Amino acid sequence: MTVRMKDIADDLGVSLMTVSKALRGHLDISEDTRERVVRRARELRYQPNWVARSLATRRTYMVGLVIPDLMHSFFAEVATGLSKELSSMGYQIVLANSEEDGDRERREIETLLARSVDGLVIASALKDWRTGMPPPLLRAKCRTY
């Protein structure tokens, strides 16, 4: 059974807004109430509904990473480091491997953008069409709000 914030609120006799604020760490909720809510959420194994959160915040909390070679140790290190940093901020990476194929890279980028990732980090296999030179090793593009 999926545990909802409403279930936690009903169980503790507090409002849904109180549960929401407590789980997000708002300071206008007392420390005692926040601890009770967080403890109960843990006991019930509450997991946030990421789809609902995305609709409410207009963010997916995902960043796309496009790399040219999944087997190359350098890109594995990039993915690991990026994943650690993003995880500490509540984000996850979505990894795409272009296999050093320009057409596949374009499709992967289009797919990630269609999935509304909040940011995109690209280690491109393509040459810059304007200069004919390889692009910078990693480029990042993030939406700002």
N, C-alpha and C. Protein backbone atom coordinates (compact mmCIF):
# COMPACT_ATOMS: atom_id res chain seq x y z
N MET A 1 0.84 -1.18 0.00
CA MET A 1 0.00 0.00 0.00
C MET A 1 0.89 1.25 0.00
N THR A 2 0.56 2.19 -0.82
CA THR A 2 1.29 3.45 -0.89
C THR A 2 0.87 4.36 0.25
N VAL A 3 1.84 4.87 0.96
CA VAL A 3 1.58 5.80 2.06
C VAL A 3 1.60 7.21 1.51
N ARG A 4 0.55 7.96 1.78
CA ARG A 4 0.46 9.35 1.32
C ARG A 4 0.65 10.30 2.50
N MET A 5 0.96 11.55 2.20
CA MET A 5 1.09 12.55 3.26
C MET A 5 -0.20 12.65 4.06
N LYS A 6 -1.34 12.48 3.40
CA LYS A 6 -2.63 12.54 4.07
C LYS A 6 -2.73 11.44 5.13
N ASP A 7 -2.18 10.27 4.84
CA ASP A 7 -2.19 9.17 5.82
C ASP A 7 -1.40 9.55 7.07
N ILE A 8 -0.26 10.17 6.87
CA ILE A 8 0.58 10.62 8.00
C ILE A 8 -0.16 11.68 8.80
N ALA A 9 -0.79 12.63 8.08
CA ALA A 9 -1.54 13.71 8.75
C ALA A 9 -2.68 13.14 9.59
N ASP A 10 -3.46 12.23 9.00
CA ASP A 10 -4.58 11.62 9.73
C ASP A 10 -4.08 10.84 10.95
N ASP A 11 -2.99 10.11 10.77
CA ASP A 11 -2.42 9.29 11.84
C ASP A 11 -1.97 10.15 13.02
N LEU A 12 -1.38 11.31 12.73
CA LEU A 12 -0.85 12.18 13.79
C LEU A 12 -1.83 13.26 14.25
N GLY A 13 -2.95 13.40 13.55
CA GLY A 13 -3.92 14.42 13.91
C GLY A 13 -3.46 15.83 13.60
N VAL A 14 -2.71 15.97 12.51
CA VAL A 14 -2.25 17.29 12.07
C VAL A 14 -2.74 17.51 10.65
N SER A 15 -2.56 18.72 10.17
CA SER A 15 -3.04 19.03 8.82
C SER A 15 -2.07 18.51 7.76
N LEU A 16 -2.58 18.37 6.57
CA LEU A 16 -1.76 17.96 5.43
C LEU A 16 -0.64 18.98 5.19
N MET A 17 -0.95 20.26 5.35
CA MET A 17 0.05 21.32 5.17
C MET A 17 1.17 21.18 6.20
N THR A 18 0.82 20.82 7.43
CA THR A 18 1.83 20.63 8.47
C THR A 18 2.79 19.50 8.08
N VAL A 19 2.24 18.40 7.58
CA VAL A 19 3.08 17.28 7.15
C VAL A 19 3.98 17.70 6.00
N SER A 20 3.40 18.38 5.03
CA SER A 20 4.17 18.84 3.87
C SER A 20 5.32 19.73 4.30
N LYS A 21 5.02 20.71 5.14
CA LYS A 21 6.06 21.63 5.60
C LYS A 21 7.12 20.92 6.45
N ALA A 22 6.67 20.01 7.30
CA ALA A 22 7.62 19.29 8.17
C ALA A 22 8.58 18.45 7.33
N LEU A 23 8.07 17.78 6.32
CA LEU A 23 8.92 16.93 5.48
C LEU A 23 9.87 17.74 4.62
N ARG A 24 9.50 19.00 4.36
CA ARG A 24 10.39 19.87 3.57
C ARG A 24 11.29 20.72 4.46
N GLY A 25 11.18 20.55 5.78
CA GLY A 25 12.07 21.25 6.70
C GLY A 25 11.75 22.71 6.93
N HIS A 26 10.50 23.12 6.70
CA HIS A 26 10.14 24.52 6.94
C HIS A 26 10.33 24.88 8.41
N LEU A 27 10.79 26.09 8.64
CA LEU A 27 11.09 26.52 10.01
C LEU A 27 9.87 27.00 10.79
N ASP A 28 8.72 27.18 10.10
CA ASP A 28 7.53 27.64 10.83
C ASP A 28 6.76 26.47 11.47
N ILE A 29 7.34 25.28 11.43
CA ILE A 29 6.78 24.12 12.12
C ILE A 29 7.67 23.86 13.34
N SER A 30 7.05 23.60 14.49
CA SER A 30 7.86 23.38 15.70
C SER A 30 8.77 22.16 15.53
N GLU A 31 9.88 22.19 16.23
CA GLU A 31 10.85 21.09 16.15
C GLU A 31 10.21 19.77 16.57
N ASP A 32 9.38 19.82 17.62
CA ASP A 32 8.71 18.61 18.11
C ASP A 32 7.79 18.03 17.04
N THR A 33 6.98 18.88 16.41
CA THR A 33 6.07 18.42 15.37
C THR A 33 6.85 17.88 14.18
N ARG A 34 7.88 18.58 13.79
CA ARG A 34 8.70 18.14 12.65
C ARG A 34 9.28 16.75 12.92
N GLU A 35 9.82 16.56 14.13
CA GLU A 35 10.40 15.25 14.49
C GLU A 35 9.34 14.15 14.48
N ARG A 36 8.14 14.45 15.02
CA ARG A 36 7.05 13.46 15.02
C ARG A 36 6.68 13.06 13.60
N VAL A 37 6.55 14.06 12.72
CA VAL A 37 6.16 13.79 11.33
C VAL A 37 7.24 12.98 10.62
N VAL A 38 8.47 13.40 10.76
CA VAL A 38 9.57 12.70 10.08
C VAL A 38 9.70 11.27 10.61
N ARG A 39 9.58 11.09 11.92
CA ARG A 39 9.67 9.76 12.52
C ARG A 39 8.56 8.86 11.98
N ARG A 40 7.33 9.40 11.96
CA ARG A 40 6.19 8.59 11.48
C ARG A 40 6.33 8.28 9.99
N ALA A 41 6.80 9.24 9.22
CA ALA A 41 7.01 9.01 7.78
C ALA A 41 8.02 7.88 7.58
N ARG A 42 9.07 7.88 8.39
CA ARG A 42 10.08 6.82 8.30
C ARG A 42 9.48 5.46 8.68
N GLU A 43 8.71 5.46 9.77
CA GLU A 43 8.10 4.21 10.23
C GLU A 43 7.17 3.62 9.17
N LEU A 44 6.44 4.49 8.50
CA LEU A 44 5.49 4.04 7.47
C LEU A 44 6.15 3.85 6.10
N ARG A 45 7.45 4.14 6.05
CA ARG A 45 8.23 4.04 4.80
C ARG A 45 7.64 4.93 3.69
N TYR A 46 7.30 6.13 4.10
CA TYR A 46 6.76 7.11 3.15
C TYR A 46 7.80 7.44 2.08
N GLN A 47 7.36 7.45 0.83
CA GLN A 47 8.17 7.87 -0.30
C GLN A 47 7.42 8.99 -1.02
N PRO A 48 8.09 10.11 -1.29
CA PRO A 48 7.42 11.20 -2.00
C PRO A 48 6.91 10.74 -3.37
N ASN A 49 5.81 11.30 -3.78
CA ASN A 49 5.28 11.06 -5.12
C ASN A 49 5.99 12.03 -6.06
N TRP A 50 6.98 11.53 -6.79
CA TRP A 50 7.82 12.40 -7.62
C TRP A 50 7.04 13.01 -8.78
N VAL A 51 6.04 12.30 -9.27
CA VAL A 51 5.23 12.86 -10.37
C VAL A 51 4.44 14.06 -9.86
N ALA A 52 3.81 13.91 -8.70
CA ALA A 52 3.06 15.02 -8.11
C ALA A 52 3.98 16.19 -7.80
N ARG A 53 5.15 15.87 -7.26
CA ARG A 53 6.12 16.92 -6.94
C ARG A 53 6.55 17.67 -8.20
N SER A 54 6.78 16.93 -9.27
CA SER A 54 7.19 17.56 -10.53
C SER A 54 6.10 18.47 -11.07
N LEU A 55 4.86 18.03 -10.96
CA LEU A 55 3.76 18.87 -11.44
C LEU A 55 3.64 20.15 -10.61
N ALA A 56 3.83 20.02 -9.31
CA ALA A 56 3.69 21.18 -8.42
C ALA A 56 4.85 22.16 -8.56
N THR A 57 6.06 21.64 -8.75
CA THR A 57 7.25 22.51 -8.77
C THR A 57 7.74 22.83 -10.18
N ARG A 58 7.21 22.13 -11.17
CA ARG A 58 7.65 22.26 -12.56
C ARG A 58 9.13 21.89 -12.70
N ARG A 59 9.59 20.97 -11.87
CA ARG A 59 10.95 20.43 -11.93
C ARG A 59 10.86 18.91 -11.86
N THR A 60 11.82 18.25 -12.51
CA THR A 60 11.85 16.79 -12.47
C THR A 60 12.89 16.26 -11.50
N TYR A 61 13.79 17.13 -11.05
CA TYR A 61 14.89 16.73 -10.17
C TYR A 61 15.76 15.66 -10.83
N MET A 62 15.88 15.78 -12.16
CA MET A 62 16.74 14.90 -12.94
C MET A 62 17.62 15.75 -13.84
N VAL A 63 18.87 15.33 -14.00
CA VAL A 63 19.81 15.98 -14.90
C VAL A 63 20.31 14.91 -15.86
N GLY A 64 20.22 15.20 -17.16
CA GLY A 64 20.69 14.26 -18.16
C GLY A 64 22.19 14.36 -18.33
N LEU A 65 22.84 13.22 -18.50
CA LEU A 65 24.27 13.15 -18.79
C LEU A 65 24.44 12.33 -20.05
N VAL A 66 24.95 12.97 -21.10
CA VAL A 66 25.19 12.28 -22.37
C VAL A 66 26.69 12.10 -22.51
N ILE A 67 27.11 10.85 -22.63
CA ILE A 67 28.54 10.56 -22.77
C ILE A 67 28.76 9.75 -24.05
N PRO A 68 29.96 9.84 -24.63
CA PRO A 68 30.22 9.14 -25.89
C PRO A 68 30.63 7.68 -25.71
N ASP A 69 31.08 7.29 -24.52
CA ASP A 69 31.60 5.93 -24.35
C ASP A 69 31.40 5.47 -22.92
N LEU A 70 30.44 4.61 -22.72
CA LEU A 70 30.09 4.13 -21.38
C LEU A 70 31.22 3.32 -20.75
N MET A 71 32.05 2.69 -21.56
CA MET A 71 33.10 1.82 -21.04
C MET A 71 34.39 2.56 -20.68
N HIS A 72 34.51 3.81 -21.08
CA HIS A 72 35.73 4.57 -20.81
C HIS A 72 35.73 4.98 -19.33
N SER A 73 36.83 4.69 -18.63
CA SER A 73 36.87 4.95 -17.18
C SER A 73 36.71 6.43 -16.83
N PHE A 74 37.17 7.33 -17.72
CA PHE A 74 37.03 8.76 -17.44
C PHE A 74 35.56 9.13 -17.31
N PHE A 75 34.73 8.64 -18.24
CA PHE A 75 33.31 9.00 -18.21
C PHE A 75 32.59 8.32 -17.05
N ALA A 76 33.07 7.15 -16.64
CA ALA A 76 32.51 6.51 -15.45
C ALA A 76 32.79 7.37 -14.22
N GLU A 77 33.99 7.95 -14.16
CA GLU A 77 34.33 8.84 -13.04
C GLU A 77 33.50 10.12 -13.08
N VAL A 78 33.29 10.66 -14.28
CA VAL A 78 32.45 11.85 -14.42
C VAL A 78 31.04 11.54 -13.92
N ALA A 79 30.48 10.41 -14.35
CA ALA A 79 29.13 10.04 -13.94
C ALA A 79 29.04 9.84 -12.43
N THR A 80 30.05 9.20 -11.85
CA THR A 80 30.06 8.97 -10.41
C THR A 80 30.14 10.28 -9.63
N GLY A 81 31.04 11.16 -10.04
CA GLY A 81 31.18 12.45 -9.36
C GLY A 81 29.95 13.31 -9.49
N LEU A 82 29.38 13.36 -10.70
CA LEU A 82 28.18 14.14 -10.93
C LEU A 82 27.02 13.59 -10.11
N SER A 83 26.90 12.27 -10.08
CA SER A 83 25.83 11.64 -9.32
C SER A 83 25.93 11.98 -7.83
N LYS A 84 27.14 11.95 -7.28
CA LYS A 84 27.33 12.29 -5.86
C LYS A 84 26.91 13.73 -5.58
N GLU A 85 27.38 14.65 -6.41
CA GLU A 85 27.06 16.06 -6.20
C GLU A 85 25.56 16.32 -6.34
N LEU A 86 24.96 15.77 -7.40
CA LEU A 86 23.53 16.00 -7.63
C LEU A 86 22.68 15.36 -6.54
N SER A 87 23.08 14.18 -6.10
CA SER A 87 22.34 13.48 -5.06
C SER A 87 22.27 14.31 -3.79
N SER A 88 23.35 15.00 -3.47
CA SER A 88 23.37 15.82 -2.26
C SER A 88 22.40 17.00 -2.36
N MET A 89 21.96 17.31 -3.58
CA MET A 89 21.01 18.41 -3.79
C MET A 89 19.61 17.89 -4.15
N GLY A 90 19.41 16.58 -4.03
CA GLY A 90 18.09 16.01 -4.29
C GLY A 90 17.83 15.67 -5.75
N TYR A 91 18.87 15.64 -6.56
CA TYR A 91 18.73 15.33 -7.99
C TYR A 91 19.30 13.95 -8.30
N GLN A 92 18.86 13.40 -9.42
CA GLN A 92 19.40 12.15 -9.94
C GLN A 92 19.88 12.38 -11.36
N ILE A 93 20.81 11.52 -11.81
CA ILE A 93 21.22 11.64 -13.20
C ILE A 93 20.49 10.60 -14.03
N VAL A 94 20.24 10.97 -15.27
CA VAL A 94 19.73 10.05 -16.28
C VAL A 94 20.85 9.94 -17.30
N LEU A 95 21.39 8.76 -17.44
CA LEU A 95 22.58 8.54 -18.26
C LEU A 95 22.20 8.09 -19.66
N ALA A 96 22.82 8.71 -20.66
CA ALA A 96 22.62 8.31 -22.06
C ALA A 96 23.99 8.13 -22.70
N ASN A 97 24.14 7.04 -23.43
CA ASN A 97 25.40 6.70 -24.09
C ASN A 97 25.23 6.88 -25.60
N SER A 98 25.99 7.81 -26.19
CA SER A 98 25.86 8.06 -27.63
C SER A 98 26.68 7.11 -28.47
N GLU A 99 27.57 6.34 -27.84
CA GLU A 99 28.45 5.41 -28.54
C GLU A 99 29.22 6.09 -29.67
N GLU A 100 29.59 7.36 -29.42
CA GLU A 100 30.35 8.18 -30.36
C GLU A 100 29.67 8.29 -31.73
N ASP A 101 28.35 8.25 -31.71
CA ASP A 101 27.54 8.36 -32.93
C ASP A 101 26.75 9.66 -32.85
N GLY A 102 27.03 10.58 -33.77
CA GLY A 102 26.40 11.89 -33.75
C GLY A 102 24.88 11.85 -33.83
N ASP A 103 24.34 10.98 -34.69
CA ASP A 103 22.88 10.88 -34.82
C ASP A 103 22.26 10.35 -33.52
N ARG A 104 22.89 9.36 -32.95
CA ARG A 104 22.37 8.82 -31.69
C ARG A 104 22.46 9.87 -30.59
N GLU A 105 23.55 10.63 -30.57
CA GLU A 105 23.70 11.69 -29.57
C GLU A 105 22.55 12.70 -29.68
N ARG A 106 22.23 13.11 -30.89
CA ARG A 106 21.12 14.06 -31.09
C ARG A 106 19.81 13.47 -30.57
N ARG A 107 19.56 12.19 -30.89
CA ARG A 107 18.32 11.54 -30.43
C ARG A 107 18.27 11.47 -28.90
N GLU A 108 19.41 11.13 -28.29
CA GLU A 108 19.46 11.05 -26.82
C GLU A 108 19.18 12.41 -26.19
N ILE A 109 19.77 13.45 -26.75
CA ILE A 109 19.54 14.81 -26.24
C ILE A 109 18.08 15.20 -26.40
N GLU A 110 17.51 14.92 -27.57
CA GLU A 110 16.09 15.24 -27.80
C GLU A 110 15.19 14.49 -26.82
N THR A 111 15.51 13.22 -26.57
CA THR A 111 14.72 12.42 -25.64
C THR A 111 14.80 12.99 -24.22
N LEU A 112 16.00 13.33 -23.79
CA LEU A 112 16.16 13.91 -22.45
C LEU A 112 15.41 15.23 -22.32
N LEU A 113 15.50 16.07 -23.34
CA LEU A 113 14.77 17.34 -23.31
C LEU A 113 13.26 17.10 -23.30
N ALA A 114 12.79 16.11 -24.05
CA ALA A 114 11.36 15.79 -24.07
C ALA A 114 10.89 15.29 -22.70
N ARG A 115 11.79 14.70 -21.94
CA ARG A 115 11.45 14.22 -20.60
C ARG A 115 11.61 15.31 -19.55
N SER A 116 11.89 16.52 -20.01
CA SER A 116 11.94 17.72 -19.16
C SER A 116 12.99 17.64 -18.06
N VAL A 117 14.18 17.11 -18.40
CA VAL A 117 15.24 17.14 -17.39
C VAL A 117 15.52 18.59 -17.02
N ASP A 118 15.93 18.81 -15.78
CA ASP A 118 16.20 20.16 -15.31
C ASP A 118 17.55 20.68 -15.78
N GLY A 119 18.40 19.80 -16.20
CA GLY A 119 19.72 20.20 -16.70
C GLY A 119 20.25 19.14 -17.62
N LEU A 120 21.25 19.51 -18.39
CA LEU A 120 21.82 18.59 -19.36
C LEU A 120 23.32 18.80 -19.39
N VAL A 121 24.07 17.74 -19.16
CA VAL A 121 25.53 17.77 -19.24
C VAL A 121 25.91 16.87 -20.41
N ILE A 122 26.67 17.43 -21.34
CA ILE A 122 26.99 16.70 -22.57
C ILE A 122 28.50 16.60 -22.75
N ALA A 123 28.99 15.38 -22.88
CA ALA A 123 30.36 15.15 -23.33
C ALA A 123 30.19 14.72 -24.79
N SER A 124 30.26 15.67 -25.68
CA SER A 124 29.83 15.46 -27.05
C SER A 124 30.82 14.67 -27.90
N ALA A 125 30.26 13.84 -28.77
CA ALA A 125 31.06 13.12 -29.76
C ALA A 125 31.08 13.90 -31.08
N LEU A 126 30.33 14.99 -31.14
CA LEU A 126 30.18 15.75 -32.38
C LEU A 126 31.18 16.89 -32.48
N LYS A 127 31.48 17.28 -33.70
CA LYS A 127 32.26 18.49 -33.92
C LYS A 127 31.30 19.67 -33.96
N ASP A 128 31.77 20.82 -33.52
CA ASP A 128 30.96 22.04 -33.57
C ASP A 128 30.77 22.41 -35.03
N TRP A 129 29.53 22.47 -35.48
CA TRP A 129 29.26 22.72 -36.90
C TRP A 129 29.73 24.09 -37.35
N ARG A 130 29.87 25.03 -36.41
CA ARG A 130 30.29 26.38 -36.80
C ARG A 130 31.80 26.45 -37.03
N THR A 131 32.56 25.69 -36.26
CA THR A 131 34.02 25.79 -36.36
C THR A 131 34.68 24.53 -36.90
N GLY A 132 33.95 23.43 -36.92
CA GLY A 132 34.54 22.17 -37.34
C GLY A 132 35.44 21.56 -36.28
N MET A 133 35.52 22.21 -35.13
CA MET A 133 36.38 21.74 -34.03
C MET A 133 35.54 20.94 -33.04
N PRO A 134 36.19 20.01 -32.32
CA PRO A 134 35.45 19.33 -31.25
C PRO A 134 34.98 20.36 -30.22
N PRO A 135 33.78 20.18 -29.68
CA PRO A 135 33.27 21.12 -28.67
C PRO A 135 34.01 20.93 -27.35
N PRO A 136 33.77 21.81 -26.39
CA PRO A 136 34.37 21.60 -25.06
C PRO A 136 33.99 20.21 -24.55
N LEU A 137 34.85 19.64 -23.74
CA LEU A 137 34.64 18.27 -23.29
C LEU A 137 33.29 18.09 -22.61
N LEU A 138 32.93 18.97 -21.71
CA LEU A 138 31.64 18.89 -21.04
C LEU A 138 30.96 20.25 -21.13
N ARG A 139 29.68 20.23 -21.45
CA ARG A 139 28.88 21.45 -21.45
C ARG A 139 27.67 21.20 -20.57
N ALA A 140 27.24 22.21 -19.89
CA ALA A 140 26.07 22.05 -19.03
C ALA A 140 25.03 23.09 -19.39
N LYS A 141 23.78 22.70 -19.37
CA LYS A 141 22.67 23.61 -19.65
C LYS A 141 21.61 23.34 -18.60
N CYS A 142 21.25 24.34 -17.84
CA CYS A 142 20.22 24.19 -16.81
C CYS A 142 19.17 25.27 -16.99
N ARG A 143 17.94 24.89 -16.70
CA ARG A 143 16.87 25.87 -16.70
C ARG A 143 16.99 26.72 -15.45
N THR A 144 16.65 27.97 -15.56
CA THR A 144 16.63 28.82 -14.37
C THR A 144 15.19 29.24 -14.12
N TYR A 145 14.86 29.43 -12.86
CA TYR A 145 13.49 29.80 -12.49
C TYR A 145 13.51 31.10 -11.77
